[in-house]
Amino acid sequence: MGGKTNTATTPIVRGNDTIGYGKLPIAYINIDSLLLNYQFAKEANEALIKKQEDSRLTINTQARQLQTEMGEFQRKLENNAFLSRERAEQEQARLQKKQQELQELDGKLSQQLLQVQQKMSEGLRDTINAFMKEYNKDNKYELIISNTSSDNILYAAKGYDITEEVTKILNERCAKK
């Protein structure tokens, strides 16, 4: 877990007197880059995409089947193929119920996907946070911050970026599991 310690020179001031300069070890991790290159994150994202595709396939298959049945119903209705008006109303009610069930299934699957995504994000965050504590157990950094497009860091010198080193170590640990 070697690597150079990144420091910023900071004046140490007591009262109105400047005593000297101290070092403040800081570093940042580009979370976007980490997530793109961390094998565990890639695998979790692929699993989530597969679940989304499976859900979409389930809904689309059932929707096509319902559409076929509704078309058949409409054709029978136009050709007076039902034995009675009551039978036509029963079939229409059945199709409406099936449509409602399909909408409920879509909502349920969407909710399940959100829960899986949230659990995945929490697990990923926990993994990274636990690793960062271990990574910095020698206290070589006083501050490790993230640098993503939505953060408040507007500029950071490349020398403070430990993303590549952290990603490499995380991937080595992931490969051992």
N, C-alpha and C. Protein backbone atom coordinates (compact mmCIF):
# COMPACT_ATOMS: atom_id res chain seq x y z
N MET A 1 0.83 -1.19 0.00
CA MET A 1 0.00 0.00 0.00
C MET A 1 0.87 1.24 0.00
N GLY A 2 2.00 1.08 -0.65
CA GLY A 2 2.91 2.20 -0.70
C GLY A 2 2.36 3.29 -1.58
N GLY A 3 3.12 4.25 -1.77
CA GLY A 3 2.70 5.39 -2.57
C GLY A 3 3.28 6.61 -1.92
N LYS A 4 3.40 7.62 -2.68
CA LYS A 4 3.98 8.82 -2.09
C LYS A 4 2.94 9.57 -1.29
N THR A 5 3.36 10.18 -0.24
CA THR A 5 2.46 11.00 0.57
C THR A 5 2.38 12.36 -0.09
N ASN A 6 1.18 12.79 -0.34
CA ASN A 6 0.97 14.09 -0.95
C ASN A 6 0.77 15.10 0.16
N THR A 7 1.50 16.17 0.11
CA THR A 7 1.39 17.16 1.17
C THR A 7 1.27 18.55 0.60
N ALA A 8 0.60 19.37 1.32
CA ALA A 8 0.53 20.78 0.99
C ALA A 8 1.24 21.52 2.11
N THR A 9 2.07 22.45 1.75
CA THR A 9 2.79 23.21 2.77
C THR A 9 1.85 24.24 3.34
N THR A 10 1.73 24.23 4.65
CA THR A 10 0.81 25.12 5.33
C THR A 10 1.55 25.88 6.43
N PRO A 11 1.42 27.19 6.46
CA PRO A 11 2.09 27.92 7.54
C PRO A 11 1.42 27.62 8.87
N ILE A 12 2.23 27.44 9.89
CA ILE A 12 1.72 27.25 11.25
C ILE A 12 1.84 28.59 11.94
N VAL A 13 0.72 29.10 12.42
CA VAL A 13 0.69 30.45 12.99
C VAL A 13 0.25 30.39 14.45
N ARG A 14 0.97 31.10 15.31
CA ARG A 14 0.56 31.28 16.70
C ARG A 14 0.46 32.77 16.94
N GLY A 15 -0.73 33.20 17.24
CA GLY A 15 -0.93 34.64 17.43
C GLY A 15 -0.61 35.34 16.13
N ASN A 16 0.27 36.37 16.21
CA ASN A 16 0.65 37.10 15.00
C ASN A 16 1.97 36.60 14.43
N ASP A 17 2.56 35.59 15.04
CA ASP A 17 3.87 35.11 14.62
C ASP A 17 3.73 33.85 13.76
N THR A 18 4.48 33.81 12.69
CA THR A 18 4.57 32.61 11.88
C THR A 18 5.74 31.81 12.41
N ILE A 19 5.48 30.59 12.87
CA ILE A 19 6.52 29.76 13.45
C ILE A 19 7.27 29.01 12.36
N GLY A 20 6.56 28.48 11.39
CA GLY A 20 7.22 27.72 10.34
C GLY A 20 6.18 27.10 9.43
N TYR A 21 6.60 26.11 8.72
CA TYR A 21 5.69 25.44 7.80
C TYR A 21 5.53 23.98 8.21
N GLY A 22 4.29 23.53 8.15
CA GLY A 22 3.99 22.14 8.45
C GLY A 22 3.43 21.49 7.20
N LYS A 23 3.27 20.21 7.24
CA LYS A 23 2.76 19.46 6.10
C LYS A 23 1.36 18.93 6.42
N LEU A 24 0.48 19.08 5.47
CA LEU A 24 -0.87 18.55 5.62
C LEU A 24 -1.07 17.50 4.53
N PRO A 25 -0.96 16.24 4.88
CA PRO A 25 -1.12 15.18 3.87
C PRO A 25 -2.57 15.09 3.41
N ILE A 26 -2.77 15.29 2.11
CA ILE A 26 -4.11 15.19 1.54
C ILE A 26 -4.03 14.40 0.24
N ALA A 27 -5.16 13.84 -0.15
CA ALA A 27 -5.25 13.12 -1.41
C ALA A 27 -6.71 13.10 -1.84
N TYR A 28 -6.93 12.79 -3.09
CA TYR A 28 -8.31 12.64 -3.56
C TYR A 28 -8.43 11.41 -4.43
N ILE A 29 -9.65 10.93 -4.54
CA ILE A 29 -9.96 9.80 -5.41
C ILE A 29 -11.07 10.24 -6.35
N ASN A 30 -10.86 10.02 -7.62
CA ASN A 30 -11.88 10.31 -8.61
C ASN A 30 -12.84 9.12 -8.60
N ILE A 31 -13.98 9.29 -7.95
CA ILE A 31 -14.94 8.20 -7.76
C ILE A 31 -15.46 7.68 -9.10
N ASP A 32 -15.70 8.57 -10.05
CA ASP A 32 -16.19 8.13 -11.37
C ASP A 32 -15.19 7.16 -12.00
N SER A 33 -13.92 7.51 -11.96
CA SER A 33 -12.88 6.66 -12.53
C SER A 33 -12.75 5.35 -11.73
N LEU A 34 -12.83 5.45 -10.42
CA LEU A 34 -12.75 4.25 -9.57
C LEU A 34 -13.87 3.28 -9.92
N LEU A 35 -15.08 3.78 -10.04
CA LEU A 35 -16.22 2.91 -10.34
C LEU A 35 -16.13 2.29 -11.74
N LEU A 36 -15.52 3.00 -12.68
CA LEU A 36 -15.34 2.46 -14.02
C LEU A 36 -14.28 1.36 -14.07
N ASN A 37 -13.32 1.40 -13.15
CA ASN A 37 -12.20 0.48 -13.21
C ASN A 37 -12.16 -0.56 -12.09
N TYR A 38 -12.97 -0.40 -11.06
CA TYR A 38 -13.00 -1.34 -9.94
C TYR A 38 -13.84 -2.55 -10.34
N GLN A 39 -13.23 -3.73 -10.38
CA GLN A 39 -13.88 -4.94 -10.87
C GLN A 39 -15.17 -5.24 -10.12
N PHE A 40 -15.18 -5.08 -8.80
CA PHE A 40 -16.38 -5.34 -8.00
C PHE A 40 -17.53 -4.43 -8.46
N ALA A 41 -17.22 -3.18 -8.73
CA ALA A 41 -18.24 -2.22 -9.18
C ALA A 41 -18.74 -2.60 -10.57
N LYS A 42 -17.82 -3.02 -11.44
CA LYS A 42 -18.22 -3.43 -12.79
C LYS A 42 -19.15 -4.64 -12.73
N GLU A 43 -18.79 -5.63 -11.91
CA GLU A 43 -19.61 -6.84 -11.79
C GLU A 43 -20.98 -6.53 -11.20
N ALA A 44 -21.00 -5.67 -10.20
CA ALA A 44 -22.29 -5.30 -9.58
C ALA A 44 -23.16 -4.56 -10.59
N ASN A 45 -22.56 -3.69 -11.38
CA ASN A 45 -23.31 -2.95 -12.40
C ASN A 45 -23.83 -3.89 -13.48
N GLU A 46 -23.02 -4.84 -13.90
CA GLU A 46 -23.47 -5.82 -14.90
C GLU A 46 -24.62 -6.66 -14.37
N ALA A 47 -24.56 -7.04 -13.10
CA ALA A 47 -25.65 -7.83 -12.49
C ALA A 47 -26.93 -7.00 -12.46
N LEU A 48 -26.80 -5.73 -12.15
CA LEU A 48 -27.97 -4.84 -12.11
C LEU A 48 -28.56 -4.69 -13.52
N ILE A 49 -27.72 -4.51 -14.50
CA ILE A 49 -28.20 -4.38 -15.88
C ILE A 49 -28.92 -5.66 -16.32
N LYS A 50 -28.38 -6.82 -15.94
CA LYS A 50 -29.04 -8.09 -16.28
C LYS A 50 -30.42 -8.17 -15.63
N LYS A 51 -30.53 -7.77 -14.36
CA LYS A 51 -31.83 -7.77 -13.69
C LYS A 51 -32.80 -6.83 -14.39
N GLN A 52 -32.32 -5.66 -14.83
CA GLN A 52 -33.17 -4.72 -15.55
C GLN A 52 -33.66 -5.33 -16.86
N GLU A 53 -32.74 -5.97 -17.57
CA GLU A 53 -33.11 -6.60 -18.84
C GLU A 53 -34.11 -7.73 -18.63
N ASP A 54 -33.90 -8.54 -17.59
CA ASP A 54 -34.83 -9.63 -17.28
C ASP A 54 -36.22 -9.08 -16.96
N SER A 55 -36.26 -8.02 -16.17
CA SER A 55 -37.55 -7.40 -15.82
C SER A 55 -38.24 -6.86 -17.06
N ARG A 56 -37.47 -6.17 -17.90
CA ARG A 56 -38.03 -5.59 -19.12
C ARG A 56 -38.55 -6.69 -20.03
N LEU A 57 -37.80 -7.80 -20.14
CA LEU A 57 -38.23 -8.92 -20.97
C LEU A 57 -39.54 -9.51 -20.45
N THR A 58 -39.63 -9.69 -19.14
CA THR A 58 -40.86 -10.22 -18.53
C THR A 58 -42.06 -9.34 -18.85
N ILE A 59 -41.89 -8.03 -18.63
CA ILE A 59 -42.99 -7.09 -18.88
C ILE A 59 -43.34 -7.06 -20.36
N ASN A 60 -42.33 -6.98 -21.22
CA ASN A 60 -42.60 -6.91 -22.67
C ASN A 60 -43.28 -8.16 -23.18
N THR A 61 -42.88 -9.32 -22.70
CA THR A 61 -43.50 -10.58 -23.12
C THR A 61 -44.97 -10.61 -22.72
N GLN A 62 -45.24 -10.26 -21.47
CA GLN A 62 -46.62 -10.26 -21.01
C GLN A 62 -47.45 -9.17 -21.69
N ALA A 63 -46.83 -8.04 -21.99
CA ALA A 63 -47.54 -6.96 -22.67
C ALA A 63 -47.92 -7.38 -24.09
N ARG A 64 -46.98 -8.04 -24.78
CA ARG A 64 -47.30 -8.53 -26.13
C ARG A 64 -48.43 -9.56 -26.10
N GLN A 65 -48.37 -10.45 -25.11
CA GLN A 65 -49.43 -11.46 -24.97
C GLN A 65 -50.78 -10.78 -24.72
N LEU A 66 -50.79 -9.79 -23.86
CA LEU A 66 -52.03 -9.06 -23.56
C LEU A 66 -52.52 -8.33 -24.82
N GLN A 67 -51.61 -7.72 -25.55
CA GLN A 67 -51.98 -7.00 -26.77
C GLN A 67 -52.61 -7.96 -27.78
N THR A 68 -52.06 -9.15 -27.89
CA THR A 68 -52.61 -10.17 -28.79
C THR A 68 -54.02 -10.54 -28.36
N GLU A 69 -54.19 -10.77 -27.06
CA GLU A 69 -55.51 -11.15 -26.54
C GLU A 69 -56.52 -10.02 -26.74
N MET A 70 -56.07 -8.77 -26.57
CA MET A 70 -56.98 -7.63 -26.76
C MET A 70 -57.37 -7.50 -28.23
N GLY A 71 -56.41 -7.75 -29.12
CA GLY A 71 -56.73 -7.72 -30.55
C GLY A 71 -57.72 -8.81 -30.92
N GLU A 72 -57.51 -9.98 -30.35
CA GLU A 72 -58.43 -11.10 -30.59
C GLU A 72 -59.83 -10.77 -30.06
N PHE A 73 -59.87 -10.17 -28.90
CA PHE A 73 -61.15 -9.77 -28.31
C PHE A 73 -61.86 -8.78 -29.24
N GLN A 74 -61.12 -7.78 -29.71
CA GLN A 74 -61.70 -6.76 -30.58
C GLN A 74 -62.23 -7.38 -31.87
N ARG A 75 -61.46 -8.31 -32.44
CA ARG A 75 -61.89 -8.98 -33.67
C ARG A 75 -63.17 -9.77 -33.44
N LYS A 76 -63.22 -10.51 -32.31
CA LYS A 76 -64.42 -11.28 -31.99
C LYS A 76 -65.62 -10.36 -31.77
N LEU A 77 -65.37 -9.24 -31.11
CA LEU A 77 -66.46 -8.29 -30.83
C LEU A 77 -67.02 -7.73 -32.13
N GLU A 78 -66.14 -7.37 -33.05
CA GLU A 78 -66.58 -6.81 -34.33
C GLU A 78 -67.31 -7.85 -35.20
N ASN A 79 -66.99 -9.11 -35.03
CA ASN A 79 -67.61 -10.19 -35.82
C ASN A 79 -68.76 -10.87 -35.09
N ASN A 80 -69.17 -10.29 -33.97
CA ASN A 80 -70.25 -10.87 -33.17
C ASN A 80 -69.99 -12.34 -32.87
N ALA A 81 -68.78 -12.66 -32.46
CA ALA A 81 -68.38 -14.04 -32.22
C ALA A 81 -68.66 -14.49 -30.79
N PHE A 82 -69.11 -13.60 -29.94
CA PHE A 82 -69.44 -13.99 -28.57
C PHE A 82 -70.87 -14.51 -28.53
N LEU A 83 -71.10 -15.54 -27.72
CA LEU A 83 -72.43 -16.14 -27.63
C LEU A 83 -73.44 -15.19 -27.01
N SER A 84 -72.97 -14.35 -26.11
CA SER A 84 -73.88 -13.39 -25.48
C SER A 84 -73.11 -12.12 -25.12
N ARG A 85 -73.87 -11.08 -24.85
CA ARG A 85 -73.28 -9.81 -24.42
C ARG A 85 -72.58 -10.01 -23.08
N GLU A 86 -73.15 -10.82 -22.21
CA GLU A 86 -72.58 -11.11 -20.90
C GLU A 86 -71.20 -11.76 -21.06
N ARG A 87 -71.06 -12.68 -21.99
CA ARG A 87 -69.77 -13.35 -22.22
C ARG A 87 -68.72 -12.35 -22.72
N ALA A 88 -69.13 -11.43 -23.58
CA ALA A 88 -68.22 -10.39 -24.08
C ALA A 88 -67.77 -9.49 -22.93
N GLU A 89 -68.69 -9.14 -22.04
CA GLU A 89 -68.36 -8.30 -20.88
C GLU A 89 -67.42 -9.02 -19.92
N GLN A 90 -67.62 -10.33 -19.77
CA GLN A 90 -66.73 -11.13 -18.91
C GLN A 90 -65.30 -11.13 -19.48
N GLU A 91 -65.23 -11.31 -20.78
CA GLU A 91 -63.91 -11.34 -21.43
C GLU A 91 -63.23 -9.97 -21.32
N GLN A 92 -64.01 -8.92 -21.50
CA GLN A 92 -63.46 -7.56 -21.38
C GLN A 92 -62.97 -7.31 -19.95
N ALA A 93 -63.72 -7.74 -18.96
CA ALA A 93 -63.33 -7.58 -17.55
C ALA A 93 -62.05 -8.38 -17.27
N ARG A 94 -61.96 -9.59 -17.83
CA ARG A 94 -60.77 -10.42 -17.63
C ARG A 94 -59.53 -9.71 -18.21
N LEU A 95 -59.68 -9.15 -19.40
CA LEU A 95 -58.56 -8.46 -20.04
C LEU A 95 -58.16 -7.19 -19.27
N GLN A 96 -59.15 -6.48 -18.75
CA GLN A 96 -58.85 -5.29 -17.95
C GLN A 96 -58.11 -5.67 -16.67
N LYS A 97 -58.54 -6.77 -16.06
CA LYS A 97 -57.87 -7.25 -14.85
C LYS A 97 -56.44 -7.66 -15.17
N LYS A 98 -56.25 -8.33 -16.28
CA LYS A 98 -54.92 -8.75 -16.69
C LYS A 98 -54.03 -7.53 -16.96
N GLN A 99 -54.59 -6.50 -17.54
CA GLN A 99 -53.85 -5.27 -17.80
C GLN A 99 -53.44 -4.61 -16.48
N GLN A 100 -54.35 -4.59 -15.52
CA GLN A 100 -54.06 -4.02 -14.21
C GLN A 100 -52.96 -4.83 -13.51
N GLU A 101 -53.04 -6.14 -13.60
CA GLU A 101 -52.02 -7.00 -12.99
C GLU A 101 -50.65 -6.77 -13.62
N LEU A 102 -50.64 -6.54 -14.94
CA LEU A 102 -49.39 -6.26 -15.63
C LEU A 102 -48.80 -4.93 -15.15
N GLN A 103 -49.64 -3.93 -14.96
CA GLN A 103 -49.16 -2.64 -14.44
C GLN A 103 -48.62 -2.79 -13.01
N GLU A 104 -49.30 -3.59 -12.21
CA GLU A 104 -48.84 -3.84 -10.85
C GLU A 104 -47.50 -4.58 -10.85
N LEU A 105 -47.36 -5.57 -11.75
CA LEU A 105 -46.10 -6.30 -11.87
C LEU A 105 -44.97 -5.36 -12.29
N ASP A 106 -45.26 -4.47 -13.22
CA ASP A 106 -44.26 -3.50 -13.67
C ASP A 106 -43.81 -2.63 -12.49
N GLY A 107 -44.76 -2.16 -11.69
CA GLY A 107 -44.42 -1.36 -10.52
C GLY A 107 -43.61 -2.15 -9.50
N LYS A 108 -44.00 -3.40 -9.29
CA LYS A 108 -43.30 -4.26 -8.33
C LYS A 108 -41.87 -4.53 -8.78
N LEU A 109 -41.69 -4.85 -10.06
CA LEU A 109 -40.35 -5.11 -10.58
C LEU A 109 -39.49 -3.84 -10.54
N SER A 110 -40.07 -2.71 -10.83
CA SER A 110 -39.33 -1.44 -10.75
C SER A 110 -38.89 -1.17 -9.32
N GLN A 111 -39.76 -1.42 -8.37
CA GLN A 111 -39.44 -1.22 -6.96
C GLN A 111 -38.32 -2.18 -6.53
N GLN A 112 -38.40 -3.43 -6.97
CA GLN A 112 -37.36 -4.40 -6.64
C GLN A 112 -36.01 -3.98 -7.21
N LEU A 113 -36.03 -3.45 -8.44
CA LEU A 113 -34.79 -2.98 -9.05
C LEU A 113 -34.19 -1.82 -8.27
N LEU A 114 -35.03 -0.91 -7.83
CA LEU A 114 -34.55 0.21 -7.02
C LEU A 114 -33.92 -0.29 -5.72
N GLN A 115 -34.54 -1.28 -5.10
CA GLN A 115 -34.00 -1.84 -3.87
C GLN A 115 -32.66 -2.54 -4.11
N VAL A 116 -32.57 -3.29 -5.20
CA VAL A 116 -31.31 -3.97 -5.54
C VAL A 116 -30.23 -2.93 -5.82
N GLN A 117 -30.59 -1.88 -6.55
CA GLN A 117 -29.62 -0.83 -6.87
C GLN A 117 -29.15 -0.12 -5.60
N GLN A 118 -30.07 0.17 -4.70
CA GLN A 118 -29.72 0.83 -3.44
C GLN A 118 -28.81 -0.08 -2.60
N LYS A 119 -29.15 -1.35 -2.52
CA LYS A 119 -28.33 -2.30 -1.76
C LYS A 119 -26.94 -2.42 -2.37
N MET A 120 -26.87 -2.47 -3.71
CA MET A 120 -25.60 -2.54 -4.40
C MET A 120 -24.76 -1.29 -4.11
N SER A 121 -25.38 -0.13 -4.18
CA SER A 121 -24.66 1.13 -3.92
C SER A 121 -24.15 1.17 -2.48
N GLU A 122 -24.98 0.74 -1.55
CA GLU A 122 -24.56 0.72 -0.14
C GLU A 122 -23.40 -0.25 0.07
N GLY A 123 -23.48 -1.43 -0.54
CA GLY A 123 -22.41 -2.41 -0.42
C GLY A 123 -21.12 -1.90 -1.01
N LEU A 124 -21.21 -1.27 -2.16
CA LEU A 124 -20.03 -0.70 -2.81
C LEU A 124 -19.43 0.40 -1.95
N ARG A 125 -20.27 1.29 -1.45
CA ARG A 125 -19.80 2.38 -0.59
C ARG A 125 -19.15 1.83 0.67
N ASP A 126 -19.80 0.83 1.28
CA ASP A 126 -19.23 0.22 2.50
C ASP A 126 -17.89 -0.43 2.21
N THR A 127 -17.79 -1.12 1.08
CA THR A 127 -16.52 -1.77 0.70
C THR A 127 -15.42 -0.73 0.54
N ILE A 128 -15.72 0.33 -0.16
CA ILE A 128 -14.72 1.38 -0.39
C ILE A 128 -14.36 2.09 0.91
N ASN A 129 -15.36 2.42 1.72
CA ASN A 129 -15.09 3.10 2.99
C ASN A 129 -14.26 2.23 3.93
N ALA A 130 -14.58 0.95 4.02
CA ALA A 130 -13.81 0.05 4.88
C ALA A 130 -12.38 -0.06 4.36
N PHE A 131 -12.24 -0.15 3.04
CA PHE A 131 -10.90 -0.23 2.48
C PHE A 131 -10.11 1.05 2.75
N MET A 132 -10.76 2.20 2.64
CA MET A 132 -10.04 3.46 2.85
C MET A 132 -9.51 3.56 4.28
N LYS A 133 -10.26 3.04 5.24
CA LYS A 133 -9.77 3.03 6.62
C LYS A 133 -8.51 2.16 6.72
N GLU A 134 -8.56 0.99 6.09
CA GLU A 134 -7.41 0.10 6.11
C GLU A 134 -6.24 0.71 5.33
N TYR A 135 -6.54 1.27 4.17
CA TYR A 135 -5.52 1.88 3.33
C TYR A 135 -4.77 2.98 4.07
N ASN A 136 -5.47 3.71 4.89
CA ASN A 136 -4.87 4.83 5.61
C ASN A 136 -4.57 4.49 7.07
N LYS A 137 -4.41 3.21 7.39
CA LYS A 137 -4.17 2.83 8.79
C LYS A 137 -2.85 3.39 9.31
N ASP A 138 -1.93 3.70 8.44
CA ASP A 138 -0.67 4.32 8.87
C ASP A 138 -0.80 5.84 9.00
N ASN A 139 -1.99 6.35 8.77
CA ASN A 139 -2.30 7.78 8.91
C ASN A 139 -1.42 8.67 8.04
N LYS A 140 -1.08 8.17 6.84
CA LYS A 140 -0.25 9.01 5.98
C LYS A 140 -1.05 10.18 5.39
N TYR A 141 -2.37 10.06 5.43
CA TYR A 141 -3.21 11.16 4.95
C TYR A 141 -4.09 11.66 6.09
N GLU A 142 -4.18 12.96 6.16
CA GLU A 142 -5.10 13.58 7.12
C GLU A 142 -6.48 13.72 6.49
N LEU A 143 -6.51 13.78 5.17
CA LEU A 143 -7.75 14.03 4.46
C LEU A 143 -7.71 13.31 3.12
N ILE A 144 -8.72 12.48 2.86
CA ILE A 144 -8.89 11.86 1.54
C ILE A 144 -10.29 12.22 1.10
N ILE A 145 -10.39 12.88 -0.03
CA ILE A 145 -11.69 13.36 -0.51
C ILE A 145 -11.99 12.76 -1.88
N SER A 146 -13.24 12.85 -2.26
CA SER A 146 -13.61 12.36 -3.59
C SER A 146 -13.62 13.53 -4.55
N ASN A 147 -13.40 13.21 -5.79
CA ASN A 147 -13.40 14.22 -6.83
C ASN A 147 -14.23 13.70 -7.98
N THR A 148 -15.50 14.06 -8.00
CA THR A 148 -16.39 13.69 -9.09
C THR A 148 -16.96 14.96 -9.68
N SER A 149 -17.64 14.81 -10.78
CA SER A 149 -18.17 16.00 -11.46
C SER A 149 -19.18 16.76 -10.61
N SER A 150 -19.78 16.12 -9.63
CA SER A 150 -20.79 16.80 -8.83
C SER A 150 -20.26 17.30 -7.48
N ASP A 151 -18.97 17.11 -7.22
CA ASP A 151 -18.40 17.56 -5.96
C ASP A 151 -18.00 19.02 -6.01
N ASN A 152 -17.57 19.51 -4.87
CA ASN A 152 -17.18 20.91 -4.75
C ASN A 152 -15.73 21.17 -5.13
N ILE A 153 -14.97 20.15 -5.44
CA ILE A 153 -13.57 20.34 -5.79
C ILE A 153 -13.51 20.89 -7.22
N LEU A 154 -13.08 22.10 -7.34
CA LEU A 154 -12.99 22.71 -8.65
C LEU A 154 -11.63 22.50 -9.29
N TYR A 155 -10.61 22.30 -8.47
CA TYR A 155 -9.28 22.03 -8.99
C TYR A 155 -8.51 21.21 -7.96
N ALA A 156 -7.76 20.25 -8.45
CA ALA A 156 -6.85 19.48 -7.61
C ALA A 156 -5.68 19.07 -8.48
N ALA A 157 -4.48 19.30 -7.98
CA ALA A 157 -3.28 18.93 -8.73
C ALA A 157 -3.22 17.41 -8.87
N LYS A 158 -2.74 16.94 -10.00
CA LYS A 158 -2.69 15.51 -10.29
C LYS A 158 -1.89 14.74 -9.24
N GLY A 159 -0.90 15.37 -8.65
CA GLY A 159 -0.07 14.72 -7.65
C GLY A 159 -0.83 14.26 -6.42
N TYR A 160 -2.02 14.79 -6.22
CA TYR A 160 -2.83 14.40 -5.07
C TYR A 160 -3.81 13.28 -5.39
N ASP A 161 -3.82 12.85 -6.64
CA ASP A 161 -4.77 11.82 -7.10
C ASP A 161 -4.23 10.43 -6.77
N ILE A 162 -4.92 9.70 -5.91
CA ILE A 162 -4.53 8.33 -5.55
C ILE A 162 -5.50 7.30 -6.14
N THR A 163 -6.32 7.73 -7.09
CA THR A 163 -7.33 6.85 -7.68
C THR A 163 -6.72 5.59 -8.27
N GLU A 164 -5.70 5.72 -9.08
CA GLU A 164 -5.11 4.57 -9.75
C GLU A 164 -4.56 3.56 -8.74
N GLU A 165 -3.87 4.05 -7.72
CA GLU A 165 -3.29 3.17 -6.71
C GLU A 165 -4.39 2.44 -5.93
N VAL A 166 -5.42 3.16 -5.54
CA VAL A 166 -6.51 2.56 -4.77
C VAL A 166 -7.27 1.55 -5.63
N THR A 167 -7.54 1.89 -6.88
CA THR A 167 -8.23 0.97 -7.78
C THR A 167 -7.44 -0.31 -7.97
N LYS A 168 -6.12 -0.18 -8.16
CA LYS A 168 -5.26 -1.35 -8.34
C LYS A 168 -5.34 -2.28 -7.13
N ILE A 169 -5.24 -1.72 -5.94
CA ILE A 169 -5.26 -2.54 -4.72
C ILE A 169 -6.64 -3.16 -4.51
N LEU A 170 -7.70 -2.39 -4.75
CA LEU A 170 -9.06 -2.94 -4.62
C LEU A 170 -9.26 -4.10 -5.60
N ASN A 171 -8.79 -3.96 -6.83
CA ASN A 171 -8.94 -5.03 -7.81
C ASN A 171 -8.13 -6.27 -7.42
N GLU A 172 -6.95 -6.06 -6.85
CA GLU A 172 -6.17 -7.20 -6.37
C GLU A 172 -6.91 -7.93 -5.27
N ARG A 173 -7.51 -7.19 -4.36
CA ARG A 173 -8.28 -7.81 -3.28
C ARG A 173 -9.51 -8.51 -3.83
N CYS A 174 -10.16 -7.92 -4.80
CA CYS A 174 -11.37 -8.51 -5.41
C CYS A 174 -11.02 -9.81 -6.13
N ALA A 175 -9.87 -9.85 -6.77
CA ALA A 175 -9.45 -11.04 -7.50
C ALA A 175 -9.15 -12.21 -6.55
N LYS A 176 -8.74 -11.91 -5.34
CA LYS A 176 -8.42 -12.96 -4.36
C LYS A 176 -9.67 -13.63 -3.82
N LYS A 177 -10.82 -12.97 -3.93
CA LYS A 177 -12.07 -13.53 -3.36
C LYS A 177 -12.67 -14.57 -4.24
